[in-house]
């Protein structure tokens, strides 16, 4: 069974940092682009960041550029999202997702993604 499992969520104060992990099981991530998405209460799901199959190209939403960093370790079948300088508006459920991709790079549009994790809650509050 193909699964993605997020971990690392929690409560953090504004200005703090968290690191999320997305571990795959049942398939290898080598040929998959991976994206991080988030959904806050009452809002639509939005793309946060994505990384291409070989990790060479990444994309970020303007709202997180310079604060979040996506990376991957294909040997560990895991993708990471390092989140720094967190703001209350970053509060949301964060999801990782994957889709098969031959080309380099990634598309940060949710309809491209076939496999989704269950989500992990990030709350930024003092």
Foldseek 3Di string as FASTA:
>chain_A
DWAWAKDWADEAAAQAKTKMKIAIPPDFLQQKKKWKWWDDPPDDIFTAKIFWNVRPDMDGDPVQPPFWDWGDDRVRSMIMIIGGRDDQVVWTWMKMFIAGHDDGDDDRDVVRTDHIHPTHTHGHHD
